[in-house]
Structures are given as C-alpha cells and as structure tokens.
C-alpha cells in the first residue's frame, strides 16, 4: 500500500488486482478501479486492460462501452508496441 501511495505503478496495479479479487483485502470493485486507474494513467497496459474490463462490465463504475473500448484499445496498443520493441 505504501508503494502504491507513493506512485509506484506496479504496486498500484497489484493493489487494484488485490481489491478486484479480494486477495488480502476485502473485495471492492470501486477500490480496484481507483488503483487500476492510477496505474493505467501511468501507461501500464495490464491496468489499462483491467480498467477497460471494469467499464465493460460495470464493476465499480457505471457501465460505459466507450470508456471500455478506449482503455482496451490503449492497452492493446501499448502491449503491441512493447512486443515490437522486444524484437527490434
């Protein structure tokens, strides 16, 4: 939690994931969204994908297919760019 509060992207994602699944913390979709959003805003593709999933299903946020599409497209773009760079 301390690392997530200090802006560590991986810690923010992991905390969001923990809230998403209720692992080590009470399951809380709204808190999962908060932490996924912080990691997603820093460009972490996995967080962007999961944030898109939350919007697509209305978990922790109002269902919004446009937001879901935006976050999932951004995640795919980032993941594709990372794959491309690893082969360059």
PDB file of N, CA and C in Angstrom:
ATOM      1  N   UNK A   1       0.829  -1.201   0.000  1.00  0.00           N
ATOM      2  CA  UNK A   1       0.000   0.000   0.000  1.00  0.00           C
ATOM      3  C   UNK A   1       0.865   1.253   0.000  1.00  0.00           C
ATOM      4  N   UNK A   2       1.924   1.219   0.779  1.00  0.00           N
ATOM      5  CA  UNK A   2       2.787   2.392   0.878  1.00  0.00           C
ATOM      6  C   UNK A   2       3.413   2.719  -0.481  1.00  0.00           C
ATOM      7  N   UNK A   3       3.895   1.716  -1.183  1.00  0.00           N
ATOM      8  CA  UNK A   3       4.484   1.942  -2.500  1.00  0.00           C
ATOM      9  C   UNK A   3       3.445   2.468  -3.484  1.00  0.00           C
ATOM     10  N   UNK A   4       2.225   1.933  -3.416  1.00  0.00           N
ATOM     11  CA  UNK A   4       1.147   2.405  -4.295  1.00  0.00           C
ATOM     12  C   UNK A   4       0.827   3.867  -4.008  1.00  0.00           C
ATOM     13  N   UNK A   5       0.765   4.214  -2.723  1.00  0.00           N
ATOM     14  CA  UNK A   5       0.502   5.609  -2.346  1.00  0.00           C
ATOM     15  C   UNK A   5       1.605   6.549  -2.821  1.00  0.00           C
ATOM     16  N   UNK A   6       2.814   6.017  -2.961  1.00  0.00           N
ATOM     17  CA  UNK A   6       3.949   6.828  -3.406  1.00  0.00           C
ATOM     18  C   UNK A   6       4.066   6.876  -4.929  1.00  0.00           C
ATOM     19  N   UNK A   7       3.113   6.254  -5.633  1.00  0.00           N
ATOM     20  CA  UNK A   7       3.076   6.355  -7.090  1.00  0.00           C
ATOM     21  C   UNK A   7       3.758   5.239  -7.845  1.00  0.00           C
ATOM     22  N   UNK A   8       4.145   4.153  -7.182  1.00  0.00           N
ATOM     23  CA  UNK A   8       4.784   3.028  -7.862  1.00  0.00           C
ATOM     24  C   UNK A   8       3.740   2.291  -8.698  1.00  0.00           C
ATOM     25  N   UNK A   9       3.938   2.315  -9.993  1.00  0.00           N
ATOM     26  CA  UNK A   9       2.944   1.785 -10.928  1.00  0.00           C
ATOM     27  C   UNK A   9       2.611   0.325 -10.673  1.00  0.00           C
ATOM     28  N   UNK A  10       3.621  -0.504 -10.512  1.00  0.00           N
ATOM     29  CA  UNK A  10       3.387  -1.925 -10.275  1.00  0.00           C
ATOM     30  C   UNK A  10       2.627  -2.172  -8.990  1.00  0.00           C
ATOM     31  N   UNK A  11       2.948  -1.417  -7.959  1.00  0.00           N
ATOM     32  CA  UNK A  11       2.246  -1.561  -6.686  1.00  0.00           C
ATOM     33  C   UNK A  11       0.789  -1.121  -6.818  1.00  0.00           C
ATOM     34  N   UNK A  12       0.557  -0.072  -7.590  1.00  0.00           N
ATOM     35  CA  UNK A  12      -0.820   0.383  -7.810  1.00  0.00           C
ATOM     36  C   UNK A  12      -1.618  -0.695  -8.532  1.00  0.00           C
ATOM     37  N   UNK A  13      -1.022  -1.283  -9.544  1.00  0.00           N
ATOM     38  CA  UNK A  13      -1.703  -2.364 -10.262  1.00  0.00           C
ATOM     39  C   UNK A  13      -1.988  -3.537  -9.330  1.00  0.00           C
ATOM     40  N   UNK A  14      -0.973  -3.954  -8.572  1.00  0.00           N
ATOM     41  CA  UNK A  14      -1.135  -5.096  -7.681  1.00  0.00           C
ATOM     42  C   UNK A  14      -2.208  -4.842  -6.627  1.00  0.00           C
ATOM     43  N   UNK A  15      -2.273  -3.631  -6.120  1.00  0.00           N
ATOM     44  CA  UNK A  15      -3.297  -3.305  -5.132  1.00  0.00           C
ATOM     45  C   UNK A  15      -4.690  -3.329  -5.773  1.00  0.00           C
ATOM     46  N   UNK A  16      -4.782  -2.799  -6.990  1.00  0.00           N
ATOM     47  CA  UNK A  16      -6.050  -2.880  -7.721  1.00  0.00           C
ATOM     48  C   UNK A  16      -6.476  -4.321  -7.942  1.00  0.00           C
ATOM     49  N   UNK A  17      -5.523  -5.154  -8.297  1.00  0.00           N
ATOM     50  CA  UNK A  17      -5.794  -6.576  -8.531  1.00  0.00           C
ATOM     51  C   UNK A  17      -6.248  -7.252  -7.244  1.00  0.00           C
ATOM     52  N   UNK A  18      -5.591  -6.891  -6.143  1.00  0.00           N
ATOM     53  CA  UNK A  18      -5.971  -7.463  -4.846  1.00  0.00           C
ATOM     54  C   UNK A  18      -7.411  -7.094  -4.492  1.00  0.00           C
ATOM     55  N   UNK A  19      -7.774  -5.828  -4.696  1.00  0.00           N
ATOM     56  CA  UNK A  19      -9.158  -5.416  -4.431  1.00  0.00           C
ATOM     57  C   UNK A  19     -10.125  -6.073  -5.414  1.00  0.00           C
ATOM     58  N   UNK A  20      -9.699  -6.218  -6.645  1.00  0.00           N
ATOM     59  CA  UNK A  20     -10.539  -6.841  -7.672  1.00  0.00           C
ATOM     60  C   UNK A  20     -10.929  -8.261  -7.253  1.00  0.00           C
ATOM     61  N   UNK A  21      -9.960  -9.008  -6.749  1.00  0.00           N
ATOM     62  CA  UNK A  21     -10.199 -10.409  -6.404  1.00  0.00           C
ATOM     63  C   UNK A  21     -10.477 -10.640  -4.920  1.00  0.00           C
ATOM     64  N   UNK A  22     -10.258  -9.624  -4.102  1.00  0.00           N
ATOM     65  CA  UNK A  22     -10.434  -9.805  -2.665  1.00  0.00           C
ATOM     66  C   UNK A  22      -9.326 -10.634  -2.050  1.00  0.00           C
ATOM     67  N   UNK A  23      -8.106 -10.462  -2.527  1.00  0.00           N
ATOM     68  CA  UNK A  23      -6.959 -11.209  -2.009  1.00  0.00           C
ATOM     69  C   UNK A  23      -6.181 -10.338  -1.016  1.00  0.00           C
ATOM     70  N   UNK A  24      -6.274 -10.683   0.267  1.00  0.00           N
ATOM     71  CA  UNK A  24      -5.557  -9.942   1.295  1.00  0.00           C
ATOM     72  C   UNK A  24      -6.263  -8.671   1.743  1.00  0.00           C
ATOM     73  N   UNK A  25      -7.293  -8.286   1.032  1.00  0.00           N
ATOM     74  CA  UNK A  25      -8.123  -7.113   1.356  1.00  0.00           C
ATOM     75  C   UNK A  25      -9.568  -7.495   1.041  1.00  0.00           C
ATOM     76  N   UNK A  26     -10.532  -6.785   1.619  1.00  0.00           N
ATOM     77  CA  UNK A  26     -11.923  -7.065   1.233  1.00  0.00           C
ATOM     78  C   UNK A  26     -12.137  -6.774  -0.259  1.00  0.00           C
ATOM     79  N   UNK A  27     -12.878  -7.625  -0.923  1.00  0.00           N
ATOM     80  CA  UNK A  27     -13.162  -7.404  -2.343  1.00  0.00           C
ATOM     81  C   UNK A  27     -13.948  -6.106  -2.478  1.00  0.00           C
ATOM     82  N   UNK A  28     -13.464  -5.219  -3.361  1.00  0.00           N
ATOM     83  CA  UNK A  28     -14.078  -3.898  -3.523  1.00  0.00           C
ATOM     84  C   UNK A  28     -13.805  -3.398  -4.937  1.00  0.00           C
ATOM     85  N   UNK A  29     -14.824  -3.499  -5.797  1.00  0.00           N
ATOM     86  CA  UNK A  29     -14.660  -3.098  -7.199  1.00  0.00           C
ATOM     87  C   UNK A  29     -14.301  -1.623  -7.346  1.00  0.00           C
ATOM     88  N   UNK A  30     -14.901  -0.772  -6.540  1.00  0.00           N
ATOM     89  CA  UNK A  30     -14.620   0.671  -6.642  1.00  0.00           C
ATOM     90  C   UNK A  30     -13.164   0.960  -6.304  1.00  0.00           C
ATOM     91  N   UNK A  31     -12.624   0.302  -5.286  1.00  0.00           N
ATOM     92  CA  UNK A  31     -11.211   0.499  -4.941  1.00  0.00           C
ATOM     93  C   UNK A  31     -10.308  -0.083  -6.024  1.00  0.00           C
ATOM     94  N   UNK A  32     -10.716  -1.200  -6.614  1.00  0.00           N
ATOM     95  CA  UNK A  32      -9.942  -1.775  -7.719  1.00  0.00           C
ATOM     96  C   UNK A  32      -9.832  -0.763  -8.851  1.00  0.00           C
ATOM     97  N   UNK A  33     -10.938  -0.109  -9.166  1.00  0.00           N
ATOM     98  CA  UNK A  33     -10.937   0.900 -10.235  1.00  0.00           C
ATOM     99  C   UNK A  33      -9.996   2.052  -9.891  1.00  0.00           C
ATOM    100  N   UNK A  34     -10.027   2.508  -8.644  1.00  0.00           N
ATOM    101  CA  UNK A  34      -9.158   3.617  -8.224  1.00  0.00           C
ATOM    102  C   UNK A  34      -7.698   3.281  -8.505  1.00  0.00           C
ATOM    103  N   UNK A  35      -7.283   2.100  -8.086  1.00  0.00           N
ATOM    104  CA  UNK A  35      -5.873   1.740  -8.236  1.00  0.00           C
ATOM    105  C   UNK A  35      -5.519   1.351  -9.670  1.00  0.00           C
ATOM    106  N   UNK A  36      -6.419   0.680 -10.381  1.00  0.00           N
ATOM    107  CA  UNK A  36      -6.170   0.401 -11.802  1.00  0.00           C
ATOM    108  C   UNK A  36      -6.029   1.714 -12.571  1.00  0.00           C
ATOM    109  N   UNK A  37      -6.880   2.690 -12.255  1.00  0.00           N
ATOM    110  CA  UNK A  37      -6.845   3.971 -12.960  1.00  0.00           C
ATOM    111  C   UNK A  37      -5.486   4.653 -12.771  1.00  0.00           C
ATOM    112  N   UNK A  38      -4.973   4.638 -11.549  1.00  0.00           N
ATOM    113  CA  UNK A  38      -3.694   5.293 -11.296  1.00  0.00           C
ATOM    114  C   UNK A  38      -2.570   4.627 -12.081  1.00  0.00           C
ATOM    115  N   UNK A  39      -2.560   3.304 -12.103  1.00  0.00           N
ATOM    116  CA  UNK A  39      -1.542   2.588 -12.873  1.00  0.00           C
ATOM    117  C   UNK A  39      -1.766   2.762 -14.374  1.00  0.00           C
ATOM    118  N   UNK A  40      -3.022   2.756 -14.800  1.00  0.00           N
ATOM    119  CA  UNK A  40      -3.346   2.932 -16.221  1.00  0.00           C
ATOM    120  C   UNK A  40      -2.928   4.316 -16.708  1.00  0.00           C
ATOM    121  N   UNK A  41      -3.140   5.330 -15.883  1.00  0.00           N
ATOM    122  CA  UNK A  41      -2.741   6.686 -16.263  1.00  0.00           C
ATOM    123  C   UNK A  41      -1.232   6.813 -16.431  1.00  0.00           C
ATOM    124  N   UNK A  42      -0.490   5.906 -15.800  1.00  0.00           N
ATOM    125  CA  UNK A  42       0.967   5.908 -15.949  1.00  0.00           C
ATOM    126  C   UNK A  42       1.427   5.014 -17.098  1.00  0.00           C
ATOM    127  N   UNK A  43       0.465   4.420 -17.803  1.00  0.00           N
ATOM    128  CA  UNK A  43       0.790   3.680 -19.018  1.00  0.00           C
ATOM    129  C   UNK A  43       0.943   2.179 -18.881  1.00  0.00           C
ATOM    130  N   UNK A  44       0.554   1.591 -17.769  1.00  0.00           N
ATOM    131  CA  UNK A  44       0.682   0.146 -17.604  1.00  0.00           C
ATOM    132  C   UNK A  44      -0.441  -0.564 -18.357  1.00  0.00           C
ATOM    133  N   UNK A  45      -0.071  -1.332 -19.371  1.00  0.00           N
ATOM    134  CA  UNK A  45      -1.051  -1.971 -20.254  1.00  0.00           C
ATOM    135  C   UNK A  45      -1.994  -2.907 -19.508  1.00  0.00           C
ATOM    136  N   UNK A  46      -1.496  -3.679 -18.566  1.00  0.00           N
ATOM    137  CA  UNK A  46      -2.364  -4.607 -17.824  1.00  0.00           C
ATOM    138  C   UNK A  46      -3.422  -3.843 -17.042  1.00  0.00           C
ATOM    139  N   UNK A  47      -3.040  -2.724 -16.462  1.00  0.00           N
ATOM    140  CA  UNK A  47      -4.005  -1.901 -15.718  1.00  0.00           C
ATOM    141  C   UNK A  47      -5.023  -1.283 -16.672  1.00  0.00           C
ATOM    142  N   UNK A  48      -4.569  -0.856 -17.839  1.00  0.00           N
ATOM    143  CA  UNK A  48      -5.476  -0.283 -18.834  1.00  0.00           C
ATOM    144  C   UNK A  48      -6.492  -1.330 -19.280  1.00  0.00           C
ATOM    145  N   UNK A  49      -6.023  -2.551 -19.501  1.00  0.00           N
ATOM    146  CA  UNK A  49      -6.920  -3.621 -19.912  1.00  0.00           C
ATOM    147  C   UNK A  49      -7.959  -3.901 -18.827  1.00  0.00           C
ATOM    148  N   UNK A  50      -7.491  -4.042 -17.579  1.00  0.00           N
ATOM    149  CA  UNK A  50      -8.418  -4.353 -16.494  1.00  0.00           C
ATOM    150  C   UNK A  50      -9.384  -3.205 -16.222  1.00  0.00           C
ATOM    151  N   UNK A  51      -8.916  -1.989 -16.372  1.00  0.00           N
ATOM    152  CA  UNK A  51      -9.815  -0.845 -16.223  1.00  0.00           C
ATOM    153  C   UNK A  51     -10.892  -0.894 -17.309  1.00  0.00           C
ATOM    154  N   UNK A  52     -10.499  -1.241 -18.525  1.00  0.00           N
ATOM    155  CA  UNK A  52     -11.471  -1.409 -19.602  1.00  0.00           C
ATOM    156  C   UNK A  52     -12.484  -2.493 -19.285  1.00  0.00           C
ATOM    157  N   UNK A  53     -12.018  -3.581 -18.672  1.00  0.00           N
ATOM    158  CA  UNK A  53     -12.919  -4.667 -18.277  1.00  0.00           C
ATOM    159  C   UNK A  53     -13.923  -4.184 -17.235  1.00  0.00           C
ATOM    160  N   UNK A  54     -13.450  -3.362 -16.304  1.00  0.00           N
ATOM    161  CA  UNK A  54     -14.354  -2.846 -15.265  1.00  0.00           C
ATOM    162  C   UNK A  54     -15.441  -1.974 -15.895  1.00  0.00           C
ATOM    163  N   UNK A  55     -15.061  -1.136 -16.847  1.00  0.00           N
ATOM    164  CA  UNK A  55     -16.059  -0.303 -17.534  1.00  0.00           C
ATOM    165  C   UNK A  55     -16.996  -1.142 -18.393  1.00  0.00           C
ATOM    166  N   UNK A  56     -16.466  -2.171 -19.020  1.00  0.00           N
ATOM    167  CA  UNK A  56     -17.294  -3.012 -19.892  1.00  0.00           C
ATOM    168  C   UNK A  56     -18.367  -3.762 -19.106  1.00  0.00           C
ATOM    169  N   UNK A  57     -18.050  -4.123 -17.879  1.00  0.00           N
ATOM    170  CA  UNK A  57     -18.972  -4.928 -17.082  1.00  0.00           C
ATOM    171  C   UNK A  57     -19.696  -4.122 -16.007  1.00  0.00           C
ATOM    172  N   UNK A  58     -19.322  -2.850 -15.846  1.00  0.00           N
ATOM    173  CA  UNK A  58     -19.961  -2.013 -14.836  1.00  0.00           C
ATOM    174  C   UNK A  58     -19.576  -2.374 -13.412  1.00  0.00           C
ATOM    175  N   UNK A  59     -18.369  -2.868 -13.243  1.00  0.00           N
ATOM    176  CA  UNK A  59     -17.885  -3.222 -11.912  1.00  0.00           C
ATOM    177  C   UNK A  59     -17.141  -2.034 -11.299  1.00  0.00           C
ATOM    178  N   UNK A  60     -17.693  -1.453 -10.254  1.00  0.00           N
ATOM    179  CA  UNK A  60     -17.046  -0.344  -9.567  1.00  0.00           C
ATOM    180  C   UNK A  60     -17.235   1.003 -10.227  1.00  0.00           C
ATOM    181  N   UNK A  61     -17.789   0.996 -11.427  1.00  0.00           N
ATOM    182  CA  UNK A  61     -18.075   2.212 -12.203  1.00  0.00           C
ATOM    183  C   UNK A  61     -19.346   1.960 -13.001  1.00  0.00           C
ATOM    184  N   UNK A  62     -20.003   3.019 -13.431  1.00  0.00           N
ATOM    185  CA  UNK A  62     -21.142   2.788 -14.333  1.00  0.00           C
ATOM    186  C   UNK A  62     -20.655   2.143 -15.637  1.00  0.00           C
ATOM    187  N   UNK A  63     -21.423   1.203 -16.140  1.00  0.00           N
ATOM    188  CA  UNK A  63     -21.062   0.562 -17.406  1.00  0.00           C
ATOM    189  C   UNK A  63     -20.949   1.619 -18.489  1.00  0.00           C
ATOM    190  N   UNK A  64     -19.854   1.560 -19.253  1.00  0.00           N
ATOM    191  CA  UNK A  64     -19.593   2.553 -20.295  1.00  0.00           C
ATOM    192  C   UNK A  64     -18.761   1.885 -21.385  1.00  0.00           C
ATOM    193  N   UNK A  65     -19.421   1.513 -22.478  1.00  0.00           N
ATOM    194  CA  UNK A  65     -18.725   0.783 -23.534  1.00  0.00           C
ATOM    195  C   UNK A  65     -17.684   1.639 -24.249  1.00  0.00           C
ATOM    196  N   UNK A  66     -17.903   2.933 -24.293  1.00  0.00           N
ATOM    197  CA  UNK A  66     -16.923   3.821 -24.932  1.00  0.00           C
ATOM    198  C   UNK A  66     -15.633   3.867 -24.105  1.00  0.00           C
ATOM    199  N   UNK A  67     -15.774   4.048 -22.782  1.00  0.00           N
ATOM    200  CA  UNK A  67     -14.599   4.033 -21.903  1.00  0.00           C
ATOM    201  C   UNK A  67     -13.910   2.675 -21.971  1.00  0.00           C
ATOM    202  N   UNK A  68     -14.690   1.618 -21.987  1.00  0.00           N
ATOM    203  CA  UNK A  68     -14.128   0.273 -22.056  1.00  0.00           C
ATOM    204  C   UNK A  68     -13.305   0.110 -23.331  1.00  0.00           C
ATOM    205  N   UNK A  69     -13.859   0.540 -24.439  1.00  0.00           N
ATOM    206  CA  UNK A  69     -13.152   0.451 -25.723  1.00  0.00           C
ATOM    207  C   UNK A  69     -11.871   1.282 -25.696  1.00  0.00           C
ATOM    208  N   UNK A  70     -11.963   2.477 -25.160  1.00  0.00           N
ATOM    209  CA  UNK A  70     -10.797   3.367 -25.105  1.00  0.00           C
ATOM    210  C   UNK A  70      -9.651   2.718 -24.320  1.00  0.00           C
ATOM    211  N   UNK A  71      -9.942   2.205 -23.132  1.00  0.00           N
ATOM    212  CA  UNK A  71      -8.892   1.635 -22.293  1.00  0.00           C
ATOM    213  C   UNK A  71      -8.349   0.342 -22.881  1.00  0.00           C
ATOM    214  N   UNK A  72      -9.213  -0.477 -23.448  1.00  0.00           N
ATOM    215  CA  UNK A  72      -8.727  -1.738 -24.020  1.00  0.00           C
ATOM    216  C   UNK A  72      -7.918  -1.504 -25.290  1.00  0.00           C
ATOM    217  N   UNK A  73      -8.299  -0.522 -26.074  1.00  0.00           N
ATOM    218  CA  UNK A  73      -7.533  -0.188 -27.275  1.00  0.00           C
ATOM    219  C   UNK A  73      -6.161   0.354 -26.898  1.00  0.00           C
ATOM    220  N   UNK A  74      -6.127   1.211 -25.897  1.00  0.00           N
ATOM    221  CA  UNK A  74      -4.860   1.755 -25.421  1.00  0.00           C
ATOM    222  C   UNK A  74      -3.975   0.627 -24.892  1.00  0.00           C
ATOM    223  N   UNK A  75      -4.549  -0.298 -24.154  1.00  0.00           N
ATOM    224  CA  UNK A  75      -3.784  -1.435 -23.629  1.00  0.00           C
ATOM    225  C   UNK A  75      -3.210  -2.275 -24.761  1.00  0.00           C
ATOM    226  N   UNK A  76      -4.016  -2.541 -25.756  1.00  0.00           N
ATOM    227  CA  UNK A  76      -3.551  -3.339 -26.893  1.00  0.00           C
ATOM    228  C   UNK A  76      -2.434  -2.625 -27.638  1.00  0.00           C
ATOM    229  N   UNK A  77      -2.565  -1.335 -27.790  1.00  0.00           N
ATOM    230  CA  UNK A  77      -1.542  -0.545 -28.468  1.00  0.00           C
ATOM    231  C   UNK A  77      -0.229  -0.584 -27.694  1.00  0.00           C
ATOM    232  N   UNK A  78      -0.302  -0.408 -26.391  1.00  0.00           N
ATOM    233  CA  UNK A  78       0.903  -0.442 -25.546  1.00  0.00           C
ATOM    234  C   UNK A  78       1.539  -1.821 -25.563  1.00  0.00           C
ATOM    235  N   UNK A  79       0.727  -2.858 -25.430  1.00  0.00           N
ATOM    236  CA  UNK A  79       1.254  -4.214 -25.415  1.00  0.00           C
ATOM    237  C   UNK A  79       1.894  -4.549 -26.758  1.00  0.00           C
ATOM    238  N   UNK A  80       1.265  -4.126 -27.844  1.00  0.00           N
ATOM    239  CA  UNK A  80       1.810  -4.365 -29.175  1.00  0.00           C
ATOM    240  C   UNK A  80       3.133  -3.630 -29.361  1.00  0.00           C
ATOM    241  N   UNK A  81       3.203  -2.396 -28.902  1.00  0.00           N
ATOM    242  CA  UNK A  81       4.438  -1.614 -29.011  1.00  0.00           C
ATOM    243  C   UNK A  81       5.549  -2.265 -28.192  1.00  0.00           C
ATOM    244  N   UNK A  82       5.235  -2.756 -27.006  1.00  0.00           N
ATOM    245  CA  UNK A  82       6.239  -3.402 -26.162  1.00  0.00           C
ATOM    246  C   UNK A  82       6.753  -4.677 -26.813  1.00  0.00           C
ATOM    247  N   UNK A  83       5.854  -5.464 -27.422  1.00  0.00           N
ATOM    248  CA  UNK A  83       6.257  -6.668 -28.135  1.00  0.00           C
ATOM    249  C   UNK A  83       7.137  -6.325 -29.312  1.00  0.00           C
ATOM    250  N   UNK A  84       6.758  -5.303 -30.027  1.00  0.00           N
ATOM    251  CA  UNK A  84       7.507  -4.896 -31.210  1.00  0.00           C
ATOM    252  C   UNK A  84       8.905  -4.462 -30.824  1.00  0.00           C
ATOM    253  N   UNK A  85       9.049  -3.715 -29.758  1.00  0.00           N
ATOM    254  CA  UNK A  85      10.349  -3.234 -29.308  1.00  0.00           C
ATOM    255  C   UNK A  85      11.238  -4.387 -28.859  1.00  0.00           C
ATOM    256  N   UNK A  86      10.668  -5.425 -28.275  1.00  0.00           N
ATOM    257  CA  UNK A  86      11.475  -6.533 -27.782  1.00  0.00           C
ATOM    258  C   UNK A  86      12.089  -7.334 -28.927  1.00  0.00           C
ATOM    259  N   UNK A  87      11.532  -7.222 -30.135  1.00  0.00           N
ATOM    260  CA  UNK A  87      12.071  -7.937 -31.282  1.00  0.00           C
ATOM    261  C   UNK A  87      12.948  -7.063 -32.158  1.00  0.00           C
ATOM    262  N   UNK A  88      13.052  -5.778 -31.829  1.00  0.00           N
ATOM    263  CA  UNK A  88      13.852  -4.858 -32.651  1.00  0.00           C
ATOM    264  C   UNK A  88      15.323  -4.980 -32.339  1.00  0.00           C
TER     265      UNK A  88
END
